[in-house]
PDB file of N, CA and C in Angstrom:
ATOM      1  N   LYS A   1     135.786  73.356 114.152  1.00  0.00           N
ATOM      2  CA  LYS A   1     135.103  72.215 114.798  1.00  0.00           C
ATOM      3  C   LYS A   1     134.506  72.654 116.131  1.00  0.00           C
ATOM      4  N   ASP A   2     133.352  72.115 116.431  1.00  0.00           N
ATOM      5  CA  ASP A   2     132.729  72.424 117.723  1.00  0.00           C
ATOM      6  C   ASP A   2     132.990  71.268 118.677  1.00  0.00           C
ATOM      7  N   THR A   3     133.982  71.446 119.528  1.00  0.00           N
ATOM      8  CA  THR A   3     134.386  70.358 120.428  1.00  0.00           C
ATOM      9  C   THR A   3     133.279  70.000 121.405  1.00  0.00           C
ATOM     10  N   ALA A   4     132.571  71.019 121.893  1.00  0.00           N
ATOM     11  CA  ALA A   4     131.498  70.758 122.865  1.00  0.00           C
ATOM     12  C   ALA A   4     130.424  69.882 122.229  1.00  0.00           C
ATOM     13  N   GLU A   5     130.077  70.175 120.994  1.00  0.00           N
ATOM     14  CA  GLU A   5     129.045  69.383 120.312  1.00  0.00           C
ATOM     15  C   GLU A   5     129.536  67.955 120.107  1.00  0.00           C
ATOM     16  N   LEU A   6     130.810  67.811 119.759  1.00  0.00           N
ATOM     17  CA  LEU A   6     131.388  66.472 119.569  1.00  0.00           C
ATOM     18  C   LEU A   6     131.346  65.697 120.875  1.00  0.00           C
ATOM     19  N   GLY A   7     131.639  66.358 121.968  1.00  0.00           N
ATOM     20  CA  GLY A   7     131.616  65.695 123.264  1.00  0.00           C
ATOM     21  C   GLY A   7     130.217  65.197 123.592  1.00  0.00           C
ATOM     22  N   ALA A   8     129.210  66.026 123.316  1.00  0.00           N
ATOM     23  CA  ALA A   8     127.818  65.642 123.588  1.00  0.00           C
ATOM     24  C   ALA A   8     127.434  64.454 122.718  1.00  0.00           C
ATOM     25  N   LEU A   9     127.855  64.494 121.468  1.00  0.00           N
ATOM     26  CA  LEU A   9     127.561  63.384 120.549  1.00  0.00           C
ATOM     27  C   LEU A   9     128.208  62.104 121.045  1.00  0.00           C
ATOM     28  N   ASN A  10     129.452  62.220 121.473  1.00  0.00           N
ATOM     29  CA  ASN A  10     130.183  61.049 121.960  1.00  0.00           C
ATOM     30  C   ASN A  10     129.499  60.468 123.196  1.00  0.00           C
ATOM     31  N   GLU A  11     129.023  61.353 124.065  1.00  0.00           N
ATOM     32  CA  GLU A  11     128.338  60.876 125.269  1.00  0.00           C
ATOM     33  C   GLU A  11     127.061  60.143 124.897  1.00  0.00           C
ATOM     34  N   ALA A  12     126.323  60.686 123.946  1.00  0.00           N
ATOM     35  CA  ALA A  12     125.079  60.047 123.503  1.00  0.00           C
ATOM     36  C   ALA A  12     125.382  58.677 122.901  1.00  0.00           C
ATOM     37  N   LEU A  13     126.460  58.598 122.131  1.00  0.00           N
ATOM     38  CA  LEU A  13     126.846  57.322 121.519  1.00  0.00           C
ATOM     39  C   LEU A  13     127.190  56.292 122.588  1.00  0.00           C
ATOM     40  N   GLN A  14     127.950  56.711 123.585  1.00  0.00           N
ATOM     41  CA  GLN A  14     128.329  55.793 124.660  1.00  0.00           C
ATOM     42  C   GLN A  14     127.086  55.309 125.395  1.00  0.00           C
ATOM     43  N   ASP A  15     126.125  56.215 125.583  1.00  0.00           N
ATOM     44  CA  ASP A  15     124.880  55.856 126.249  1.00  0.00           C
ATOM     45  C   ASP A  15     124.152  54.780 125.446  1.00  0.00           C
ATOM     46  N   LEU A  16     124.113  54.968 124.133  1.00  0.00           N
ATOM     47  CA  LEU A  16     123.443  53.995 123.266  1.00  0.00           C
ATOM     48  C   LEU A  16     124.143  52.646 123.341  1.00  0.00           C
ATOM     49  N   LEU A  17     125.465  52.669 123.256  1.00  0.00           N
ATOM     50  CA  LEU A  17     126.219  51.419 123.304  1.00  0.00           C
ATOM     51  C   LEU A  17     126.007  50.703 124.630  1.00  0.00           C
ATOM     52  N   ASP A  18     125.935  51.468 125.719  1.00  0.00           N
ATOM     53  CA  ASP A  18     125.693  50.852 127.024  1.00  0.00           C
ATOM     54  C   ASP A  18     124.310  50.207 127.056  1.00  0.00           C
ATOM     55  N   GLY A  19     123.348  50.839 126.412  1.00  0.00           N
ATOM     56  CA  GLY A  19     121.992  50.307 126.403  1.00  0.00           C
ATOM     57  C   GLY A  19     121.894  49.019 125.603  1.00  0.00           C
ATOM     58  N   ILE A  20     122.751  48.892 124.599  1.00  0.00           N
ATOM     59  CA  ILE A  20     122.704  47.708 123.736  1.00  0.00           C
ATOM     60  C   ILE A  20     123.234  46.480 124.471  1.00  0.00           C
ATOM     61  N   GLN A  21     124.272  46.701 125.300  1.00  0.00           N
ATOM     62  CA  GLN A  21     124.920  45.552 125.938  1.00  0.00           C
ATOM     63  C   GLN A  21     124.150  45.031 127.130  1.00  0.00           C
TER      64      GLN A  21
END
């Protein structure tokens, strides 16, 4: 597993969720 890539993905997801609210 690539933890760094997962972290970047998670950050992008959080950014999207913040934009929705």
